């Protein structure tokens, strides 16, 4: 593909070990520039330490990455504006001004990552908006906590519908999200592009470095409802039978806020809880398998991707492997009901060869489906299609 002038707007700093969005932004920016595209990237950042990390990863003048702290509320007008435009507070006045100046100078593609970045691209030509998740799926079964929560949710979903309905070109991560977006915007061009991850940063764990004793693990942010719910399901409904059938097994729970969120289960026998760890790799090395079956939560799950990358066998449900062409029994154990999840976990715990076959197949799948090459290939195809649309001039 010939070199394009791309303006990229992100809602997090592009770093390789941040949240799921940050990891994708890191892959996207590096790969686009490596392919010769002229990219000016804007990032509305939420953490000061991540701003500094991103500066070191993408130093000027080799990279044109502009990093901004979030806007600070000042007065009722700002708060009212945020009510009308949820999450628009993320974009500071300086970011808006610099972005406008850059767009006026000319571009081929204006690429906006995550739905809320859509506030800054309305009515612009040659735009594409990437919806990494949809709140109307994530909040479908979530209980409403009072009238204030009801109003916030109503405004959130209305804004999500408005933004996704305002862009003729949309990217998302899975067929489920694509179908949901078609329900919001029937005339949109909607493309499925998996979440990219730089697998070279996740050295495959050799069998000699893996735990000898059976260890079931869940690793993730316990402050995120899908991960918390998956962990409670594991502790309450799955683990007792797994432990009965595999008496030597231990349970390992790792993540932000783990001890606080799971305080009612801390004293269970054979339970290891590690909270707020800076490096999760040692815990992946200690895991015989990751058992993560969230009840609901749209988008691709980064801990599943990390497990595939490191070579940790996975047992999960369809929510856990959203966006991945996983075959049950080949790349992961996949089942919806408790009995099936338990059977797959127990069988893997007692079959080292099956673990090694599955984790190798999962790593290969990750490389071919979610590596920087195939994911940014797909993004370039989206750009090409946009520029070929009738009436489009760059």
Protein backbone atom coordinates (compact mmCIF):
# COMPACT_ATOMS: atom_id res chain seq x y z
CA UNK A 1 0.00 0.00 0.00
CA UNK A 2 1.28 3.49 -0.81
CA UNK A 3 2.18 5.83 2.03
CA UNK A 4 -0.81 7.60 3.58
CA UNK A 5 -1.12 10.68 5.78
CA UNK A 6 -2.93 9.31 8.83
CA UNK A 7 -4.21 11.19 11.85
CA UNK A 8 -4.75 8.76 14.73
CA UNK A 9 -6.74 9.60 17.88
CA UNK A 10 -6.48 7.30 20.92
CA UNK A 11 -8.00 7.36 24.41
CA UNK A 12 -4.97 5.87 26.17
CA UNK A 13 -1.21 6.05 25.86
CA UNK A 14 0.17 3.41 23.46
CA UNK A 15 2.13 1.11 25.75
CA UNK A 16 2.66 -2.66 25.47
CA UNK A 17 1.59 -3.68 28.99
CA UNK A 18 -1.26 -1.29 29.77
CA UNK A 19 -4.93 -2.13 29.40
CA UNK A 20 -6.29 -3.90 26.33
CA UNK A 21 -6.74 -0.68 24.36
CA UNK A 22 -3.22 0.56 25.16
CA UNK A 23 -1.67 -2.69 23.91
CA UNK A 24 -3.54 -2.44 20.63
CA UNK A 25 -2.63 1.24 20.20
CA UNK A 26 1.04 0.30 20.71
CA UNK A 27 0.83 -2.31 17.95
CA UNK A 28 -1.16 -0.08 15.61
CA UNK A 29 1.12 2.96 15.84
CA UNK A 30 4.36 1.00 15.53
CA UNK A 31 3.17 -1.09 12.61
CA UNK A 32 1.65 1.79 10.62
CA UNK A 33 4.86 3.80 10.85
CA UNK A 34 6.99 0.72 10.05
CA UNK A 35 5.00 0.37 6.83
CA UNK A 36 5.88 3.89 5.75
CA UNK A 37 2.69 5.73 6.66
CA UNK A 38 3.04 9.30 7.88
CA UNK A 39 1.21 9.19 11.20
CA UNK A 40 0.46 11.96 13.66
CA UNK A 41 -0.98 10.32 16.77
CA UNK A 42 -2.91 12.02 19.57
CA UNK A 43 -3.50 10.27 22.89
CA UNK A 44 -5.77 11.43 25.71
CA UNK A 45 -4.02 9.80 28.68
CA UNK A 46 -5.38 8.95 32.12
CA UNK A 47 -2.14 8.13 33.97
CA UNK A 48 0.88 10.41 34.24
CA UNK A 49 3.31 7.49 34.48
CA UNK A 50 1.99 6.08 31.21
CA UNK A 51 2.62 9.40 29.47
CA UNK A 52 6.29 9.17 30.40
CA UNK A 53 6.49 5.52 29.35
CA UNK A 54 4.98 6.32 25.95
CA UNK A 55 7.42 9.21 25.43
CA UNK A 56 10.33 6.84 25.94
CA UNK A 57 8.84 4.23 23.61
CA UNK A 58 8.03 6.75 20.86
CA UNK A 59 10.65 9.50 21.12
CA UNK A 60 10.50 12.64 19.01
CA UNK A 61 11.43 13.35 16.23
CA UNK A 62 11.30 9.72 15.10
CA UNK A 63 7.65 9.56 16.11
CA UNK A 64 4.94 12.22 15.98
CA UNK A 65 3.09 11.17 19.13
CA UNK A 66 1.34 13.87 21.13
CA UNK A 67 0.30 12.98 24.67
CA UNK A 68 -2.23 14.94 26.74
CA UNK A 69 -3.50 14.63 30.31
CA UNK A 70 -7.30 14.57 30.72
CA UNK A 71 -9.22 17.81 30.95
CA UNK A 72 -9.92 19.15 34.45
CA UNK A 73 -13.49 20.07 35.34
CA UNK A 74 -14.01 23.81 35.83
CA UNK A 75 -17.49 25.11 36.61
CA UNK A 76 -21.02 23.98 35.88
CA UNK A 77 -20.69 24.49 32.13
CA UNK A 78 -18.00 21.83 31.87
CA UNK A 79 -20.00 19.37 33.95
CA UNK A 80 -23.15 20.01 31.92
CA UNK A 81 -21.21 19.47 28.71
CA UNK A 82 -19.98 16.12 29.98
CA UNK A 83 -23.56 15.06 30.76
CA UNK A 84 -24.54 15.88 27.19
CA UNK A 85 -21.43 14.20 25.77
CA UNK A 86 -20.33 11.34 28.07
CA UNK A 87 -16.57 10.89 28.35
CA UNK A 88 -15.85 13.97 26.25
CA UNK A 89 -13.99 15.30 29.31
CA UNK A 90 -11.12 13.02 28.31
CA UNK A 91 -10.08 15.42 25.58
CA UNK A 92 -8.36 18.56 26.82
CA UNK A 93 -8.60 21.97 25.19
CA UNK A 94 -4.99 21.70 24.02
CA UNK A 95 -5.63 18.33 22.39
CA UNK A 96 -8.70 19.66 20.58
CA UNK A 97 -6.84 22.73 19.35
CA UNK A 98 -3.79 20.78 18.15
CA UNK A 99 -5.95 18.13 16.52
CA UNK A 100 -7.97 20.75 14.64
CA UNK A 101 -4.81 22.39 13.36
CA UNK A 102 -3.43 19.06 12.13
CA UNK A 103 -6.66 18.08 10.39
CA UNK A 104 -6.89 21.44 8.62
CA UNK A 105 -3.39 20.87 7.22
CA UNK A 106 -4.71 17.81 5.40
CA UNK A 107 -4.90 14.04 5.80
CA UNK A 108 -5.88 10.88 3.94
CA UNK A 109 -7.49 8.99 6.85
CA UNK A 110 -8.68 10.18 10.26
CA UNK A 111 -8.65 7.04 12.43
CA UNK A 112 -10.47 7.28 15.77
CA UNK A 113 -9.94 4.55 18.36
CA UNK A 114 -12.72 3.67 20.82
CA UNK A 115 -16.24 5.06 20.70
CA UNK A 116 -15.72 8.18 22.83
CA UNK A 117 -13.04 9.52 20.50
CA UNK A 118 -15.93 9.89 18.08
CA UNK A 119 -16.86 13.21 19.69
CA UNK A 120 -13.92 14.78 17.86
CA UNK A 121 -14.56 13.43 14.38
CA UNK A 122 -18.20 14.22 13.72
CA UNK A 123 -18.85 15.37 10.13
CA UNK A 124 -15.21 14.88 9.12
CA UNK A 125 -14.54 13.17 5.78
CA UNK A 126 -12.53 9.94 5.40
CA UNK A 127 -12.99 8.82 8.99
CA UNK A 128 -13.12 5.40 10.59
CA UNK A 129 -14.20 4.75 14.19
CA UNK A 130 -13.13 1.60 16.05
CA UNK A 131 -15.63 0.29 18.62
CA UNK A 132 -13.67 -2.03 20.91
CA UNK A 133 -16.78 -2.83 22.96
CA UNK A 134 -20.46 -1.88 23.29
CA UNK A 135 -22.01 -0.85 26.59
CA UNK A 136 -25.45 -2.02 25.50
CA UNK A 137 -24.00 -5.54 25.62
CA UNK A 138 -21.82 -5.04 28.71
CA UNK A 139 -24.64 -3.53 30.80
CA UNK A 140 -27.46 -5.74 29.55
CA UNK A 141 -27.85 -7.77 32.75
CA UNK A 142 -26.14 -5.38 35.17
CA UNK A 143 -28.43 -4.29 38.03
CA UNK A 144 -29.39 -0.61 38.16
CA UNK A 145 -28.28 1.02 41.41
CA UNK A 146 -30.86 3.74 41.93
CA UNK A 147 -32.25 6.58 39.83
CA UNK A 148 -28.86 8.22 39.34
CA UNK A 149 -27.45 5.05 37.82
CA UNK A 150 -30.53 4.72 35.61
CA UNK A 151 -30.01 8.24 34.23
CA UNK A 152 -26.28 7.74 33.68
CA UNK A 153 -26.93 4.51 31.81
CA UNK A 154 -29.62 6.12 29.66
CA UNK A 155 -27.26 8.96 28.69
CA UNK A 156 -24.40 6.52 28.07
CA UNK A 157 -26.39 4.31 25.73
CA UNK A 158 -27.88 7.29 23.90
CA UNK A 159 -24.39 8.69 23.30
CA UNK A 160 -23.12 5.29 22.14
CA UNK A 161 -25.99 5.08 19.64
CA UNK A 162 -25.43 8.63 18.42
CA UNK A 163 -21.70 8.20 17.86
CA UNK A 164 -21.80 4.80 16.18
CA UNK A 165 -24.66 6.07 14.02
CA UNK A 166 -22.66 9.10 12.90
CA UNK A 167 -19.77 7.31 11.21
CA UNK A 168 -20.17 5.64 7.81
CA UNK A 169 -17.09 3.47 8.42
CA UNK A 170 -16.74 1.40 11.58
CA UNK A 171 -14.24 -1.19 12.79
CA UNK A 172 -14.93 -3.66 15.57
CA UNK A 173 -13.44 -6.83 17.04
CA UNK A 174 -15.93 -9.63 16.46
CA UNK A 175 -18.92 -10.83 14.47
CA UNK A 176 -21.15 -10.29 17.52
CA UNK A 177 -20.11 -6.66 17.80
CA UNK A 178 -20.47 -6.21 14.03
CA UNK A 179 -24.05 -7.49 14.15
CA UNK A 180 -24.88 -5.23 17.10
CA UNK A 181 -23.42 -2.23 15.27
CA UNK A 182 -25.49 -3.02 12.19
CA UNK A 183 -28.53 -2.75 14.45
CA UNK A 184 -27.44 0.77 15.38
CA UNK A 185 -26.33 1.87 11.90
CA UNK A 186 -27.72 -0.26 9.08
CA UNK A 187 -26.00 1.69 6.30
CA UNK A 188 -22.50 1.67 7.78
CA UNK A 189 -19.53 -0.15 6.31
CA UNK A 190 -18.48 -2.33 9.24
CA UNK A 191 -15.17 -4.20 9.27
CA UNK A 192 -13.98 -6.84 11.75
CA UNK A 193 -10.35 -6.41 12.80
CA UNK A 194 -9.09 -8.51 15.76
CA UNK A 195 -7.29 -6.91 18.68
CA UNK A 196 -3.61 -6.90 17.81
CA UNK A 197 -0.96 -7.90 20.32
CA UNK A 198 2.83 -7.90 20.02
CA UNK A 199 3.44 -11.55 20.83
CA UNK A 200 7.22 -11.04 20.65
CA UNK A 201 6.94 -9.41 24.09
CA UNK A 202 5.55 -12.65 25.56
CA UNK A 203 8.27 -15.34 25.43
CA UNK A 204 6.71 -18.78 25.15
CA UNK A 205 7.07 -20.61 28.47
CA UNK A 206 9.02 -23.80 27.95
CA UNK A 207 7.60 -26.89 29.60
CA UNK A 208 10.58 -27.15 31.93
CA UNK A 209 9.68 -23.75 33.44
CA UNK A 210 6.04 -24.60 34.09
CA UNK A 211 4.66 -25.70 37.45
CA UNK A 212 4.94 -29.41 38.15
CA UNK A 213 1.94 -29.49 40.50
CA UNK A 214 -1.57 -28.73 39.14
CA UNK A 215 -2.45 -25.04 39.54
CA UNK A 216 -5.69 -23.47 38.31
CA UNK A 217 -5.35 -19.73 37.84
CA UNK A 218 -7.34 -16.64 37.01
CA UNK A 219 -5.43 -13.43 36.29
CA UNK A 220 -7.06 -10.05 35.73
CA UNK A 221 -8.39 -6.82 37.14
CA UNK A 222 -10.90 -7.72 39.86
CA UNK A 223 -12.30 -4.18 39.66
CA UNK A 224 -13.66 -5.01 36.19
CA UNK A 225 -17.05 -6.68 36.60
CA UNK A 226 -16.64 -9.50 34.02
CA UNK A 227 -13.35 -10.63 35.62
CA UNK A 228 -14.76 -10.37 39.14
CA UNK A 229 -17.86 -12.37 38.14
CA UNK A 230 -15.75 -15.01 36.40
CA UNK A 231 -13.57 -15.35 39.50
CA UNK A 232 -16.54 -15.67 41.86
CA UNK A 233 -18.02 -18.32 39.57
CA UNK A 234 -14.72 -20.21 39.66
CA UNK A 235 -14.41 -20.05 43.44
CA UNK A 236 -18.03 -20.86 44.26
CA UNK A 237 -19.18 -23.23 41.54
CA UNK A 238 -16.21 -24.75 39.74
CA UNK A 239 -13.32 -25.03 42.15
CA UNK A 240 -14.93 -27.33 44.80
CA UNK A 241 -15.53 -30.11 42.25
CA UNK A 242 -12.16 -29.57 40.54
CA UNK A 243 -10.47 -29.89 43.93
CA UNK A 244 -12.47 -33.00 44.81
CA UNK A 245 -11.43 -34.70 41.56
CA UNK A 246 -7.84 -33.41 41.64
CA UNK A 247 -6.90 -33.33 45.36
CA UNK A 248 -3.37 -31.99 44.80
CA UNK A 249 -4.60 -28.97 42.81
CA UNK A 250 -4.19 -25.41 44.05
CA UNK A 251 -6.07 -22.26 43.07
CA UNK A 252 -4.18 -19.06 42.19
CA UNK A 253 -5.97 -15.70 41.87
CA UNK A 254 -3.95 -12.72 40.68
CA UNK A 255 -5.06 -9.19 39.93
CA UNK A 256 -5.70 -5.60 40.87
CA UNK A 257 -7.91 -5.41 43.95
CA UNK A 258 -7.96 -9.20 44.33
CA UNK A 259 -7.74 -9.43 48.13
CA UNK A 260 -10.30 -6.68 48.64
CA UNK A 261 -12.78 -7.95 46.07
CA UNK A 262 -12.49 -11.57 47.25
CA UNK A 263 -12.26 -10.97 50.99
CA UNK A 264 -15.03 -13.52 51.67
CA UNK A 265 -12.93 -16.32 50.12
CA UNK A 266 -9.40 -15.47 51.29
CA UNK A 267 -9.27 -18.27 53.86
CA UNK A 268 -10.15 -21.10 51.51
CA UNK A 269 -7.64 -23.98 51.68
CA UNK A 270 -5.11 -24.25 48.85
CA UNK A 271 -5.89 -20.72 47.67
CA UNK A 272 -3.13 -18.26 46.69
CA UNK A 273 -4.15 -14.61 46.22
CA UNK A 274 -1.71 -12.05 44.81
CA UNK A 275 -2.87 -8.45 44.60
CA UNK A 276 -1.62 -5.51 42.51
CA UNK A 277 1.45 -7.26 41.12
CA UNK A 278 3.62 -5.33 38.67
CA UNK A 279 4.73 -8.35 36.65
CA UNK A 280 2.28 -11.17 35.95
CA UNK A 281 4.66 -13.41 33.99
CA UNK A 282 5.82 -15.42 37.05
CA UNK A 283 2.17 -16.23 37.78
CA UNK A 284 1.55 -17.38 34.22
CA UNK A 285 4.60 -19.65 34.62
CA UNK A 286 3.07 -21.14 37.77
CA UNK A 287 -0.30 -21.83 36.11
CA UNK A 288 -1.20 -25.24 34.72
CA UNK A 289 -4.19 -23.56 33.12
CA UNK A 290 -6.20 -20.35 33.12
CA UNK A 291 -9.88 -20.88 33.93
CA UNK A 292 -11.77 -17.74 32.98
CA UNK A 293 -15.47 -17.87 32.05
CA UNK A 294 -17.03 -14.39 32.29
CA UNK A 295 -20.84 -14.12 32.22
CA UNK A 296 -20.94 -11.09 29.91
CA UNK A 297 -18.54 -8.53 28.51
CA UNK A 298 -18.12 -7.54 24.89
CA UNK A 299 -14.79 -7.39 23.11
CA UNK A 300 -11.66 -9.50 23.14
CA UNK A 301 -10.20 -10.52 26.49
CA UNK A 302 -6.57 -9.55 26.88
CA UNK A 303 -5.81 -12.16 29.57
CA UNK A 304 -6.91 -14.89 27.18
CA UNK A 305 -4.60 -13.41 24.54
CA UNK A 306 -1.75 -13.21 27.06
CA UNK A 307 -2.30 -16.84 28.06
CA UNK A 308 -2.18 -17.92 24.43
CA UNK A 309 0.98 -15.87 23.90
CA UNK A 310 2.82 -17.26 26.93
CA UNK A 311 1.63 -20.81 26.26
CA UNK A 312 -0.75 -21.29 29.19
CA UNK A 313 -3.65 -23.67 28.47
CA UNK A 314 -7.08 -22.01 28.70
CA UNK A 315 -10.52 -23.20 29.74
CA UNK A 316 -13.23 -20.63 29.07
CA UNK A 317 -16.63 -19.96 27.48
CA UNK A 318 -17.73 -18.21 24.29
CA UNK A 319 -17.47 -14.81 25.99
CA UNK A 320 -13.83 -15.51 26.79
CA UNK A 321 -12.86 -16.30 23.20
CA UNK A 322 -14.93 -13.62 21.48
CA UNK A 323 -13.21 -12.55 18.29
CA UNK A 324 -11.01 -15.66 18.12
CA UNK A 325 -11.62 -18.63 15.76
CA UNK A 326 -11.01 -21.09 18.59
CA UNK A 327 -11.85 -24.78 18.25
CA UNK A 328 -12.85 -26.51 21.48
CA UNK A 329 -10.28 -29.12 22.42
CA UNK A 330 -7.71 -27.84 19.93
CA UNK A 331 -6.86 -24.27 20.99
CA UNK A 332 -8.74 -24.14 24.31
CA UNK A 333 -11.39 -25.89 26.33
CA UNK A 334 -14.60 -24.00 25.54
CA UNK A 335 -17.95 -24.68 27.18
CA UNK A 336 -20.85 -22.67 28.60
CA UNK A 337 -22.00 -24.83 31.51
CA UNK A 338 -20.29 -25.55 34.81
CA UNK A 339 -20.05 -29.30 34.27
CA UNK A 340 -18.31 -28.91 30.92
CA UNK A 341 -15.85 -26.34 32.28
CA UNK A 342 -15.02 -28.60 35.22
CA UNK A 343 -14.52 -31.67 32.99
CA UNK A 344 -12.19 -29.78 30.64
CA UNK A 345 -10.17 -28.35 33.52
CA UNK A 346 -9.79 -31.70 35.29
CA UNK A 347 -8.86 -33.53 32.08
CA UNK A 348 -6.17 -30.95 31.29
CA UNK A 349 -4.78 -30.92 34.82
CA UNK A 350 -4.21 -34.65 34.58
CA UNK A 351 -2.76 -34.75 31.05
CA UNK A 352 0.49 -32.86 30.56
CA UNK A 353 0.76 -33.88 26.90
CA UNK A 354 -2.71 -32.48 26.19
CA UNK A 355 -1.70 -29.24 27.89
CA UNK A 356 1.36 -28.93 25.66
CA UNK A 357 -0.58 -29.70 22.46
CA UNK A 358 -3.27 -27.17 23.29
CA UNK A 359 -0.98 -24.35 24.35
CA UNK A 360 1.18 -24.74 21.23
CA UNK A 361 -1.89 -24.61 18.98
CA UNK A 362 -3.18 -21.55 20.83
CA UNK A 363 0.12 -19.70 20.41
CA UNK A 364 0.09 -20.45 16.66
CA UNK A 365 -3.49 -19.18 16.41
CA UNK A 366 -2.59 -15.96 18.21
CA UNK A 367 0.35 -15.29 15.90
CA UNK A 368 -1.68 -15.89 12.73
CA UNK A 369 -4.83 -14.06 13.85
CA UNK A 370 -3.81 -11.34 16.31
CA UNK A 371 -0.20 -10.58 15.46
CA UNK A 372 0.83 -7.09 14.29
CA UNK A 373 1.08 -8.30 10.69
CA UNK A 374 -2.41 -9.71 10.11
CA UNK A 375 -4.24 -7.10 12.20
CA UNK A 376 -2.65 -4.08 10.56
CA UNK A 377 -3.00 -5.76 7.15
CA UNK A 378 -6.73 -5.69 7.89
CA UNK A 379 -6.59 -2.02 8.93
CA UNK A 380 -4.84 -1.13 5.67
CA UNK A 381 -7.61 -2.90 3.74
CA UNK A 382 -10.14 -0.73 5.57
CA UNK A 383 -8.22 2.42 4.60
CA UNK A 384 -8.08 1.27 0.98
CA UNK A 385 -11.81 0.62 0.90
CA UNK A 386 -12.58 4.04 2.38
CA UNK A 387 -10.45 5.82 -0.21
CA UNK A 388 -12.18 3.89 -3.02
CA UNK A 389 -15.69 4.95 -1.96
CA UNK A 390 -17.56 7.10 -4.50
CA UNK A 391 -17.01 10.80 -3.97
CA UNK A 392 -14.08 10.37 -1.58
CA UNK A 393 -11.18 12.74 -2.22
CA UNK A 394 -7.95 12.73 -0.21
